[in-house]
Structures are given as structure tokens and as C-alpha cells.
Full PDB file with SEQRES, HELIX, SHEET, SSBOND, CRYST1, ORIGX, SCALE, CONECT and MASTER records, all heavy atoms in Angstrom:
SEQRES   1 A   41  ALA VAL LEU ASP PRO LYS ARG LEU ASP CYS ASN TYR PRO          
SEQRES   2 A   41  PHE ASP GLY LEU SER GLY ALA GLY VAL GLY PHE LYS LEU          
SEQRES   3 A   41  VAL GLN GLY THR THR GLN LYS LEU GLY LEU PRO LYS GLN          
SEQRES   4 A   41  LEU PRO                                                      
HELIX    1 AA1 GLY A   19  LYS A   33  1                                  15    
CRYST1    1.000    1.000    1.000  90.00  90.00  90.00 P 1           1          
ORIGX1      1.000000  0.000000  0.000000        0.00000                         
ORIGX2      0.000000  1.000000  0.000000        0.00000                         
ORIGX3      0.000000  0.000000  1.000000        0.00000                         
SCALE1      1.000000  0.000000  0.000000        0.00000                         
SCALE2      0.000000  1.000000  0.000000        0.00000                         
SCALE3      0.000000  0.000000  1.000000        0.00000                         
ATOM      1  N   ALA A   1       3.420  -9.182  -1.390  1.00  0.00           N  
ATOM      2  CA  ALA A   1       4.099  -9.012  -0.151  1.00  0.00           C  
ATOM      3  C   ALA A   1       5.358  -9.848  -0.250  1.00  0.00           C  
ATOM      4  O   ALA A   1       5.344 -10.879  -0.883  1.00  0.00           O  
ATOM      5  CB  ALA A   1       3.151  -9.591   0.901  1.00  0.00           C  
ATOM      6  N   VAL A   2       6.369  -9.400   0.371  1.00  0.00           N  
ATOM      7  CA  VAL A   2       7.669 -10.132   0.516  1.00  0.00           C  
ATOM      8  C   VAL A   2       8.078 -10.262   1.891  1.00  0.00           C  
ATOM      9  O   VAL A   2       8.480  -9.326   2.443  1.00  0.00           O  
ATOM     10  CB  VAL A   2       8.815  -9.388  -0.304  1.00  0.00           C  
ATOM     11  CG1 VAL A   2      10.087 -10.158  -0.165  1.00  0.00           C  
ATOM     12  CG2 VAL A   2       8.391  -9.171  -1.821  1.00  0.00           C  
ATOM     13  N   LEU A   3       7.870 -11.531   2.429  1.00  0.00           N  
ATOM     14  CA  LEU A   3       8.173 -11.822   3.824  1.00  0.00           C  
ATOM     15  C   LEU A   3       9.606 -12.373   3.844  1.00  0.00           C  
ATOM     16  O   LEU A   3       9.963 -13.475   3.266  1.00  0.00           O  
ATOM     17  CB  LEU A   3       7.276 -12.824   4.406  1.00  0.00           C  
ATOM     18  CG  LEU A   3       5.748 -12.370   4.311  1.00  0.00           C  
ATOM     19  CD1 LEU A   3       4.870 -13.456   4.947  1.00  0.00           C  
ATOM     20  CD2 LEU A   3       5.466 -11.054   5.094  1.00  0.00           C  
ATOM     21  N   ASP A   4      10.535 -11.702   4.555  1.00  0.00           N  
ATOM     22  CA  ASP A   4      11.857 -12.199   4.782  1.00  0.00           C  
ATOM     23  C   ASP A   4      12.501 -11.434   5.880  1.00  0.00           C  
ATOM     24  O   ASP A   4      12.673 -10.170   5.749  1.00  0.00           O  
ATOM     25  CB  ASP A   4      12.758 -12.034   3.480  1.00  0.00           C  
ATOM     26  CG  ASP A   4      14.011 -12.708   3.503  1.00  0.00           C  
ATOM     27  OD1 ASP A   4      14.728 -12.937   4.734  1.00  0.00           O  
ATOM     28  OD2 ASP A   4      14.595 -13.261   2.527  1.00  0.00           O  
ATOM     29  N   PRO A   5      12.723 -12.094   6.991  1.00  0.00           N  
ATOM     30  CA  PRO A   5      13.280 -11.268   8.167  1.00  0.00           C  
ATOM     31  C   PRO A   5      14.651 -10.786   8.063  1.00  0.00           C  
ATOM     32  O   PRO A   5      15.163  -9.965   8.804  1.00  0.00           O  
ATOM     33  CB  PRO A   5      13.152 -12.408   9.298  1.00  0.00           C  
ATOM     34  CG  PRO A   5      13.330 -13.735   8.619  1.00  0.00           C  
ATOM     35  CD  PRO A   5      12.469 -13.525   7.300  1.00  0.00           C  
ATOM     36  N   LYS A   6      15.369 -11.268   6.838  1.00  0.00           N  
ATOM     37  CA  LYS A   6      16.605 -10.659   6.531  1.00  0.00           C  
ATOM     38  C   LYS A   6      16.604  -9.337   5.759  1.00  0.00           C  
ATOM     39  O   LYS A   6      17.619  -8.794   5.405  1.00  0.00           O  
ATOM     40  CB  LYS A   6      17.549 -11.676   5.899  1.00  0.00           C  
ATOM     41  CG  LYS A   6      17.897 -12.860   6.715  1.00  0.00           C  
ATOM     42  CD  LYS A   6      18.922 -13.799   6.085  1.00  0.00           C  
ATOM     43  CE  LYS A   6      19.399 -14.732   6.945  1.00  0.00           C  
ATOM     44  NZ  LYS A   6      18.373 -15.844   7.387  1.00  0.00           N  
ATOM     45  N   ARG A   7      15.347  -8.874   5.390  1.00  0.00           N  
ATOM     46  CA  ARG A   7      15.223  -7.582   4.675  1.00  0.00           C  
ATOM     47  C   ARG A   7      15.730  -6.523   5.649  1.00  0.00           C  
ATOM     48  O   ARG A   7      15.453  -6.448   6.867  1.00  0.00           O  
ATOM     49  CB  ARG A   7      13.768  -7.346   4.426  1.00  0.00           C  
ATOM     50  CG  ARG A   7      13.207  -8.175   3.205  1.00  0.00           C  
ATOM     51  CD  ARG A   7      11.690  -7.733   2.973  1.00  0.00           C  
ATOM     52  NE  ARG A   7      11.445  -6.298   2.673  1.00  0.00           N  
ATOM     53  CZ  ARG A   7      10.395  -5.858   2.126  1.00  0.00           C  
ATOM     54  NH1 ARG A   7       9.417  -6.636   1.889  1.00  0.00           N  
ATOM     55  NH2 ARG A   7      10.310  -4.437   1.877  1.00  0.00           N  
ATOM     56  N   LEU A   8      16.479  -5.566   5.056  1.00  0.00           N  
ATOM     57  CA  LEU A   8      17.091  -4.483   5.887  1.00  0.00           C  
ATOM     58  C   LEU A   8      16.103  -3.608   6.339  1.00  0.00           C  
ATOM     59  O   LEU A   8      16.219  -2.943   7.361  1.00  0.00           O  
ATOM     60  CB  LEU A   8      18.084  -3.706   4.953  1.00  0.00           C  
ATOM     61  CG  LEU A   8      19.297  -4.496   4.502  1.00  0.00           C  
ATOM     62  CD1 LEU A   8      20.279  -3.524   3.611  1.00  0.00           C  
ATOM     63  CD2 LEU A   8      20.267  -5.038   5.663  1.00  0.00           C  
ATOM     64  N   ASP A   9      14.865  -3.487   5.772  1.00  0.00           N  
ATOM     65  CA  ASP A   9      13.816  -2.735   6.250  1.00  0.00           C  
ATOM     66  C   ASP A   9      12.830  -3.397   7.109  1.00  0.00           C  
ATOM     67  O   ASP A   9      11.705  -2.971   7.348  1.00  0.00           O  
ATOM     68  CB  ASP A   9      13.098  -2.012   5.110  1.00  0.00           C  
ATOM     69  CG  ASP A   9      12.555  -3.007   4.035  1.00  0.00           C  
ATOM     70  OD1 ASP A   9      12.775  -4.151   4.195  1.00  0.00           O  
ATOM     71  OD2 ASP A   9      11.732  -2.544   3.120  1.00  0.00           O  
ATOM     72  N   CYS A  10      13.164  -4.600   7.520  1.00  0.00           N  
ATOM     73  CA  CYS A  10      12.300  -5.433   8.304  1.00  0.00           C  
ATOM     74  C   CYS A  10      12.781  -5.342   9.810  1.00  0.00           C  
ATOM     75  O   CYS A  10      14.005  -5.561  10.124  1.00  0.00           O  
ATOM     76  CB  CYS A  10      12.396  -6.822   7.882  1.00  0.00           C  
ATOM     77  SG  CYS A  10      11.205  -7.985   8.890  1.00  0.00           S  
ATOM     78  N   ASN A  11      11.844  -5.080  10.761  1.00  0.00           N  
ATOM     79  CA  ASN A  11      12.265  -4.919  12.233  1.00  0.00           C  
ATOM     80  C   ASN A  11      11.814  -6.120  12.924  1.00  0.00           C  
ATOM     81  O   ASN A  11      11.711  -6.045  14.218  1.00  0.00           O  
ATOM     82  CB  ASN A  11      11.484  -3.624  12.761  1.00  0.00           C  
ATOM     83  CG  ASN A  11      12.008  -2.379  12.170  1.00  0.00           C  
ATOM     84  OD1 ASN A  11      13.224  -2.267  11.844  1.00  0.00           O  
ATOM     85  ND2 ASN A  11      11.078  -1.432  11.867  1.00  0.00           N  
ATOM     86  N   TYR A  12      11.612  -7.321  12.281  1.00  0.00           N  
ATOM     87  CA  TYR A  12      11.262  -8.491  12.990  1.00  0.00           C  
ATOM     88  C   TYR A  12      12.367  -8.800  13.905  1.00  0.00           C  
ATOM     89  O   TYR A  12      13.622  -8.698  13.669  1.00  0.00           O  
ATOM     90  CB  TYR A  12      10.967  -9.590  12.089  1.00  0.00           C  
ATOM     91  CG  TYR A  12      10.329 -10.751  12.765  1.00  0.00           C  
ATOM     92  CD1 TYR A  12       8.863 -10.744  12.990  1.00  0.00           C  
ATOM     93  CD2 TYR A  12      11.018 -11.929  12.972  1.00  0.00           C  
ATOM     94  CE1 TYR A  12       8.339 -11.828  13.644  1.00  0.00           C  
ATOM     95  CE2 TYR A  12      10.368 -12.984  13.583  1.00  0.00           C  
ATOM     96  CZ  TYR A  12       9.036 -12.899  13.972  1.00  0.00           C  
ATOM     97  OH  TYR A  12       8.304 -13.878  14.466  1.00  0.00           O  
ATOM     98  N   PRO A  13      12.121  -9.172  15.234  1.00  0.00           N  
ATOM     99  CA  PRO A  13      13.196  -9.262  16.307  1.00  0.00           C  
ATOM    100  C   PRO A  13      14.286 -10.508  16.010  1.00  0.00           C  
ATOM    101  O   PRO A  13      15.224 -10.498  16.655  1.00  0.00           O  
ATOM    102  CB  PRO A  13      12.407  -9.582  17.564  1.00  0.00           C  
ATOM    103  CG  PRO A  13      10.999  -9.098  17.354  1.00  0.00           C  
ATOM    104  CD  PRO A  13      10.754  -9.370  15.870  1.00  0.00           C  
ATOM    105  N   PHE A  14      13.905 -11.459  15.164  1.00  0.00           N  
ATOM    106  CA  PHE A  14      14.750 -12.605  15.016  1.00  0.00           C  
ATOM    107  C   PHE A  14      14.754 -12.923  13.387  1.00  0.00           C  
ATOM    108  O   PHE A  14      13.865 -13.097  12.758  1.00  0.00           O  
ATOM    109  CB  PHE A  14      14.120 -13.819  15.694  1.00  0.00           C  
ATOM    110  CG  PHE A  14      14.873 -15.083  15.577  1.00  0.00           C  
ATOM    111  CD1 PHE A  14      16.189 -15.094  15.970  1.00  0.00           C  
ATOM    112  CD2 PHE A  14      14.323 -16.209  15.122  1.00  0.00           C  
ATOM    113  CE1 PHE A  14      16.946 -16.302  15.843  1.00  0.00           C  
ATOM    114  CE2 PHE A  14      14.998 -17.337  15.024  1.00  0.00           C  
ATOM    115  CZ  PHE A  14      16.295 -17.441  15.531  1.00  0.00           C  
ATOM    116  N   ASP A  15      16.089 -13.025  12.847  1.00  0.00           N  
ATOM    117  CA  ASP A  15      16.186 -13.273  11.550  1.00  0.00           C  
ATOM    118  C   ASP A  15      16.614 -14.544  11.156  1.00  0.00           C  
ATOM    119  O   ASP A  15      17.102 -14.933  10.103  1.00  0.00           O  
ATOM    120  CB  ASP A  15      17.100 -12.232  10.898  1.00  0.00           C  
ATOM    121  CG  ASP A  15      18.505 -12.354  11.330  1.00  0.00           C  
ATOM    122  OD1 ASP A  15      18.826 -13.234  12.167  1.00  0.00           O  
ATOM    123  OD2 ASP A  15      19.482 -11.677  10.742  1.00  0.00           O  
ATOM    124  N   GLY A  16      16.591 -15.491  12.184  1.00  0.00           N  
ATOM    125  CA  GLY A  16      17.144 -16.897  11.827  1.00  0.00           C  
ATOM    126  C   GLY A  16      16.147 -17.919  11.663  1.00  0.00           C  
ATOM    127  O   GLY A  16      16.366 -19.214  11.639  1.00  0.00           O  
ATOM    128  N   LEU A  17      14.796 -17.570  11.286  1.00  0.00           N  
ATOM    129  CA  LEU A  17      13.873 -18.443  10.909  1.00  0.00           C  
ATOM    130  C   LEU A  17      14.152 -19.419   9.721  1.00  0.00           C  
ATOM    131  O   LEU A  17      14.882 -18.850   8.826  1.00  0.00           O  
ATOM    132  CB  LEU A  17      12.512 -17.713  10.660  1.00  0.00           C  
ATOM    133  CG  LEU A  17      11.870 -16.990  11.940  1.00  0.00           C  
ATOM    134  CD1 LEU A  17      10.714 -16.227  11.375  1.00  0.00           C  
ATOM    135  CD2 LEU A  17      11.249 -18.019  12.873  1.00  0.00           C  
ATOM    136  N   SER A  18      13.631 -20.541   9.707  1.00  0.00           N  
ATOM    137  CA  SER A  18      13.859 -21.384   8.551  1.00  0.00           C  
ATOM    138  C   SER A  18      12.737 -20.804   7.412  1.00  0.00           C  
ATOM    139  O   SER A  18      11.908 -19.978   7.747  1.00  0.00           O  
ATOM    140  CB  SER A  18      13.539 -22.727   8.757  1.00  0.00           C  
ATOM    141  OG  SER A  18      12.249 -23.089   9.288  1.00  0.00           O  
ATOM    142  N   GLY A  19      12.745 -21.382   6.288  1.00  0.00           N  
ATOM    143  CA  GLY A  19      11.770 -21.141   5.254  1.00  0.00           C  
ATOM    144  C   GLY A  19      10.434 -21.485   5.768  1.00  0.00           C  
ATOM    145  O   GLY A  19       9.445 -20.607   5.483  1.00  0.00           O  
ATOM    146  N   ALA A  20      10.213 -22.662   6.324  1.00  0.00           N  
ATOM    147  CA  ALA A  20       9.011 -23.156   6.897  1.00  0.00           C  
ATOM    148  C   ALA A  20       8.567 -22.253   8.045  1.00  0.00           C  
ATOM    149  O   ALA A  20       7.413 -22.075   8.236  1.00  0.00           O  
ATOM    150  CB  ALA A  20       9.059 -24.591   7.180  1.00  0.00           C  
ATOM    151  N   GLY A  21       9.617 -21.674   8.756  1.00  0.00           N  
ATOM    152  CA  GLY A  21       9.355 -20.941   9.842  1.00  0.00           C  
ATOM    153  C   GLY A  21       8.696 -19.607   9.383  1.00  0.00           C  
ATOM    154  O   GLY A  21       7.731 -19.108  10.167  1.00  0.00           O  
ATOM    155  N   VAL A  22       9.111 -19.001   8.378  1.00  0.00           N  
ATOM    156  CA  VAL A  22       8.533 -17.779   7.828  1.00  0.00           C  
ATOM    157  C   VAL A  22       7.083 -18.127   7.391  1.00  0.00           C  
ATOM    158  O   VAL A  22       6.162 -17.309   7.664  1.00  0.00           O  
ATOM    159  CB  VAL A  22       9.401 -17.238   6.732  1.00  0.00           C  
ATOM    160  CG1 VAL A  22       8.713 -16.042   6.112  1.00  0.00           C  
ATOM    161  CG2 VAL A  22      10.822 -16.794   7.171  1.00  0.00           C  
ATOM    162  N   GLY A  23       7.076 -19.272   6.754  1.00  0.00           N  
ATOM    163  CA  GLY A  23       5.653 -19.652   6.384  1.00  0.00           C  
ATOM    164  C   GLY A  23       4.652 -19.771   7.625  1.00  0.00           C  
ATOM    165  O   GLY A  23       3.503 -19.369   7.363  1.00  0.00           O  
ATOM    166  N   PHE A  24       5.243 -20.436   8.572  1.00  0.00           N  
ATOM    167  CA  PHE A  24       4.360 -20.543   9.786  1.00  0.00           C  
ATOM    168  C   PHE A  24       3.945 -19.276  10.347  1.00  0.00           C  
ATOM    169  O   PHE A  24       2.797 -18.965  10.809  1.00  0.00           O  
ATOM    170  CB  PHE A  24       5.169 -21.253  10.909  1.00  0.00           C  
ATOM    171  CG  PHE A  24       4.565 -21.441  12.223  1.00  0.00           C  
ATOM    172  CD1 PHE A  24       3.598 -22.359  12.328  1.00  0.00           C  
ATOM    173  CD2 PHE A  24       4.841 -20.487  13.326  1.00  0.00           C  
ATOM    174  CE1 PHE A  24       2.934 -22.507  13.622  1.00  0.00           C  
ATOM    175  CE2 PHE A  24       4.220 -20.758  14.457  1.00  0.00           C  
ATOM    176  CZ  PHE A  24       3.242 -21.660  14.659  1.00  0.00           C  
ATOM    177  N   LYS A  25       4.846 -18.256  10.286  1.00  0.00           N  
ATOM    178  CA  LYS A  25       4.345 -16.910  10.789  1.00  0.00           C  
ATOM    179  C   LYS A  25       3.334 -16.308   9.882  1.00  0.00           C  
ATOM    180  O   LYS A  25       2.440 -15.682  10.412  1.00  0.00           O  
ATOM    181  CB  LYS A  25       5.623 -15.924  10.691  1.00  0.00           C  
ATOM    182  CG  LYS A  25       6.831 -16.324  11.485  1.00  0.00           C  
ATOM    183  CD  LYS A  25       6.511 -16.671  13.019  1.00  0.00           C  
ATOM    184  CE  LYS A  25       5.998 -15.594  13.760  1.00  0.00           C  
ATOM    185  NZ  LYS A  25       5.856 -15.846  15.219  1.00  0.00           N  
ATOM    186  N   LEU A  26       3.340 -16.592   8.511  1.00  0.00           N  
ATOM    187  CA  LEU A  26       2.246 -16.150   7.751  1.00  0.00           C  
ATOM    188  C   LEU A  26       0.947 -16.872   8.010  1.00  0.00           C  
ATOM    189  O   LEU A  26      -0.174 -16.410   7.985  1.00  0.00           O  
ATOM    190  CB  LEU A  26       2.531 -16.417   6.271  1.00  0.00           C  
ATOM    191  CG  LEU A  26       1.374 -16.017   5.248  1.00  0.00           C  
ATOM    192  CD1 LEU A  26       0.832 -14.619   5.502  1.00  0.00           C  
ATOM    193  CD2 LEU A  26       1.890 -16.091   3.832  1.00  0.00           C  
ATOM    194  N   VAL A  27       0.995 -18.166   8.464  1.00  0.00           N  
ATOM    195  CA  VAL A  27      -0.153 -18.918   8.844  1.00  0.00           C  
ATOM    196  C   VAL A  27      -0.771 -18.414  10.153  1.00  0.00           C  
ATOM    197  O   VAL A  27      -1.892 -18.150  10.386  1.00  0.00           O  
ATOM    198  CB  VAL A  27       0.167 -20.483   8.979  1.00  0.00           C  
ATOM    199  CG1 VAL A  27      -0.993 -21.134   9.669  1.00  0.00           C  
ATOM    200  CG2 VAL A  27       0.419 -21.047   7.598  1.00  0.00           C  
ATOM    201  N   GLN A  28       0.179 -18.087  11.013  1.00  0.00           N  
ATOM    202  CA  GLN A  28      -0.264 -17.271  12.373  1.00  0.00           C  
ATOM    203  C   GLN A  28      -0.991 -16.022  12.012  1.00  0.00           C  
ATOM    204  O   GLN A  28      -2.129 -15.760  12.456  1.00  0.00           O  
ATOM    205  CB  GLN A  28       0.911 -16.981  13.187  1.00  0.00           C  
ATOM    206  CG  GLN A  28       1.557 -18.187  14.137  1.00  0.00           C  
ATOM    207  CD  GLN A  28       2.548 -17.659  14.937  1.00  0.00           C  
ATOM    208  OE1 GLN A  28       3.494 -17.003  14.679  1.00  0.00           O  
ATOM    209  NE2 GLN A  28       2.417 -18.118  16.201  1.00  0.00           N  
ATOM    210  N   GLY A  29      -0.491 -15.198  11.089  1.00  0.00           N  
ATOM    211  CA  GLY A  29      -1.100 -14.000  10.823  1.00  0.00           C  
ATOM    212  C   GLY A  29      -2.396 -14.174  10.087  1.00  0.00           C  
ATOM    213  O   GLY A  29      -3.332 -13.416  10.412  1.00  0.00           O  
ATOM    214  N   THR A  30      -2.424 -15.004   9.155  1.00  0.00           N  
ATOM    215  CA  THR A  30      -3.658 -15.277   8.480  1.00  0.00           C  
ATOM    216  C   THR A  30      -4.759 -15.847   9.297  1.00  0.00           C  
ATOM    217  O   THR A  30      -5.939 -15.468   9.254  1.00  0.00           O  
ATOM    218  CB  THR A  30      -3.538 -16.237   7.276  1.00  0.00           C  
ATOM    219  OG1 THR A  30      -2.469 -15.828   6.499  1.00  0.00           O  
ATOM    220  CG2 THR A  30      -4.645 -16.555   6.540  1.00  0.00           C  
ATOM    221  N   THR A  31      -4.424 -16.725  10.396  1.00  0.00           N  
ATOM    222  CA  THR A  31      -5.342 -17.169  11.346  1.00  0.00           C  
ATOM    223  C   THR A  31      -5.894 -16.059  12.088  1.00  0.00           C  
ATOM    224  O   THR A  31      -7.228 -16.020  12.389  1.00  0.00           O  
ATOM    225  CB  THR A  31      -4.525 -18.229  12.212  1.00  0.00           C  
ATOM    226  OG1 THR A  31      -4.097 -19.319  11.471  1.00  0.00           O  
ATOM    227  CG2 THR A  31      -5.544 -18.740  13.383  1.00  0.00           C  
ATOM    228  N   GLN A  32      -5.128 -15.054  12.602  1.00  0.00           N  
ATOM    229  CA  GLN A  32      -5.483 -13.924  13.287  1.00  0.00           C  
ATOM    230  C   GLN A  32      -6.461 -13.149  12.504  1.00  0.00           C  
ATOM    231  O   GLN A  32      -7.564 -12.658  12.899  1.00  0.00           O  
ATOM    232  CB  GLN A  32      -4.435 -13.045  13.785  1.00  0.00           C  
ATOM    233  CG  GLN A  32      -3.624 -13.907  14.889  1.00  0.00           C  
ATOM    234  CD  GLN A  32      -2.486 -12.907  15.428  1.00  0.00           C  
ATOM    235  OE1 GLN A  32      -2.640 -11.827  15.617  1.00  0.00           O  
ATOM    236  NE2 GLN A  32      -1.316 -13.532  15.676  1.00  0.00           N  
ATOM    237  N   LYS A  33      -6.097 -12.940  11.204  1.00  0.00           N  
ATOM    238  CA  LYS A  33      -7.021 -12.109  10.366  1.00  0.00           C  
ATOM    239  C   LYS A  33      -8.417 -12.786  10.170  1.00  0.00           C  
ATOM    240  O   LYS A  33      -9.336 -12.079   9.901  1.00  0.00           O  
ATOM    241  CB  LYS A  33      -6.310 -11.944   8.951  1.00  0.00           C  
ATOM    242  CG  LYS A  33      -5.194 -10.909   8.945  1.00  0.00           C  
ATOM    243  CD  LYS A  33      -5.787  -9.518   9.252  1.00  0.00           C  
ATOM    244  CE  LYS A  33      -4.624  -8.504   9.242  1.00  0.00           C  
ATOM    245  NZ  LYS A  33      -5.076  -7.174   9.672  1.00  0.00           N  
ATOM    246  N   LEU A  34      -8.389 -14.080  10.144  1.00  0.00           N  
ATOM    247  CA  LEU A  34      -9.668 -14.722   9.879  1.00  0.00           C  
ATOM    248  C   LEU A  34     -10.413 -14.887  11.167  1.00  0.00           C  
ATOM    249  O   LEU A  34     -11.591 -15.437  11.165  1.00  0.00           O  
ATOM    250  CB  LEU A  34      -9.368 -16.138   9.303  1.00  0.00           C  
ATOM    251  CG  LEU A  34      -8.953 -16.217   7.953  1.00  0.00           C  
ATOM    252  CD1 LEU A  34      -8.313 -17.611   7.556  1.00  0.00           C  
ATOM    253  CD2 LEU A  34      -9.914 -15.769   6.921  1.00  0.00           C  
ATOM    254  N   GLY A  35      -9.980 -14.459  12.325  1.00  0.00           N  
ATOM    255  CA  GLY A  35     -10.602 -14.551  13.619  1.00  0.00           C  
ATOM    256  C   GLY A  35     -10.732 -15.961  14.192  1.00  0.00           C  
ATOM    257  O   GLY A  35     -11.557 -16.227  14.866  1.00  0.00           O  
ATOM    258  N   LEU A  36      -9.744 -16.827  13.771  1.00  0.00           N  
ATOM    259  CA  LEU A  36      -9.635 -18.174  14.200  1.00  0.00           C  
ATOM    260  C   LEU A  36      -8.942 -18.298  15.504  1.00  0.00           C  
ATOM    261  O   LEU A  36      -8.056 -17.363  15.891  1.00  0.00           O  
ATOM    262  CB  LEU A  36      -9.160 -19.124  13.155  1.00  0.00           C  
ATOM    263  CG  LEU A  36     -10.040 -19.053  11.912  1.00  0.00           C  
ATOM    264  CD1 LEU A  36      -9.325 -19.845  10.811  1.00  0.00           C  
ATOM    265  CD2 LEU A  36     -11.483 -19.731  12.130  1.00  0.00           C  
ATOM    266  N   PRO A  37      -9.072 -19.397  16.294  1.00  0.00           N  
ATOM    267  CA  PRO A  37      -8.311 -19.534  17.508  1.00  0.00           C  
ATOM    268  C   PRO A  37      -6.734 -19.569  17.151  1.00  0.00           C  
ATOM    269  O   PRO A  37      -6.152 -20.062  16.286  1.00  0.00           O  
ATOM    270  CB  PRO A  37      -8.580 -21.027  17.968  1.00  0.00           C  
ATOM    271  CG  PRO A  37      -9.965 -21.231  17.322  1.00  0.00           C  
ATOM    272  CD  PRO A  37      -9.943 -20.545  16.130  1.00  0.00           C  
ATOM    273  N   LYS A  38      -5.982 -18.727  18.087  1.00  0.00           N  
ATOM    274  CA  LYS A  38      -4.646 -18.506  17.916  1.00  0.00           C  
ATOM    275  C   LYS A  38      -3.662 -19.931  17.942  1.00  0.00           C  
ATOM    276  O   LYS A  38      -2.636 -19.937  17.427  1.00  0.00           O  
ATOM    277  CB  LYS A  38      -4.101 -17.550  18.885  1.00  0.00           C  
ATOM    278  CG  LYS A  38      -4.403 -16.123  18.748  1.00  0.00           C  
ATOM    279  CD  LYS A  38      -3.664 -15.219  19.617  1.00  0.00           C  
ATOM    280  CE  LYS A  38      -3.857 -13.737  19.246  1.00  0.00           C  
ATOM    281  NZ  LYS A  38      -3.066 -12.767  20.136  1.00  0.00           N  
ATOM    282  N   GLN A  39      -4.260 -20.869  18.620  1.00  0.00           N  
ATOM    283  CA  GLN A  39      -3.496 -22.109  18.700  1.00  0.00           C  
ATOM    284  C   GLN A  39      -3.658 -23.033  17.521  1.00  0.00           C  
ATOM    285  O   GLN A  39      -2.908 -24.006  17.254  1.00  0.00           O  
ATOM    286  CB  GLN A  39      -3.878 -22.890  19.894  1.00  0.00           C  
ATOM    287  CG  GLN A  39      -5.396 -23.382  19.829  1.00  0.00           C  
ATOM    288  CD  GLN A  39      -6.312 -22.465  20.446  1.00  0.00           C  
ATOM    289  OE1 GLN A  39      -6.070 -21.389  20.554  1.00  0.00           O  
ATOM    290  NE2 GLN A  39      -7.397 -23.049  21.017  1.00  0.00           N  
ATOM    291  N   LEU A  40      -4.479 -22.607  16.502  1.00  0.00           N  
ATOM    292  CA  LEU A  40      -4.759 -23.410  15.343  1.00  0.00           C  
ATOM    293  C   LEU A  40      -3.477 -23.698  14.542  1.00  0.00           C  
ATOM    294  O   LEU A  40      -3.214 -24.884  14.156  1.00  0.00           O  
ATOM    295  CB  LEU A  40      -5.674 -22.757  14.372  1.00  0.00           C  
ATOM    296  CG  LEU A  40      -6.242 -23.549  13.241  1.00  0.00           C  
ATOM    297  CD1 LEU A  40      -7.671 -23.152  12.809  1.00  0.00           C  
ATOM    298  CD2 LEU A  40      -5.308 -23.213  11.981  1.00  0.00           C  
ATOM    299  N   PRO A  41      -2.534 -22.776  14.339  1.00  0.00           N  
ATOM    300  CA  PRO A  41      -1.280 -23.079  13.637  1.00  0.00           C  
ATOM    301  C   PRO A  41      -0.309 -24.059  14.353  1.00  0.00           C  
ATOM    302  O   PRO A  41       0.540 -24.692  13.654  1.00  0.00           O  
ATOM    303  CB  PRO A  41      -0.650 -21.767  13.377  1.00  0.00           C  
ATOM    304  CG  PRO A  41      -1.650 -20.697  13.609  1.00  0.00           C  
ATOM    305  CD  PRO A  41      -2.611 -21.342  14.615  1.00  0.00           C  
TER     306      PRO A  41                                                      
MASTER        0    0    0    1    0    0    0    6  305    1    0    4          
END                                                                             
């Protein structure tokens, strides 16, 4: 997987995230996949 909101084929609404911000979004996504509380990240 290649996560980068600046990808031309990426429709994410905001491309100004920091590197840690992109990482945080993956932690959010992973938390949801694991069925854990959404506030954990």
C-alpha cells in the first residue's frame, strides 16, 4: 500500500497532512479494522 494524499489518483479531501498525520490516519483505519474504540488513536 502507498498512502499519500498528494497522489493524483487519491480522492482524500485534504492533502496538507504531515507525515505523522498520514501515519495517524493509518492508525485510525487499523483501529477500525480491529474493532477497537474509535477514540483509541
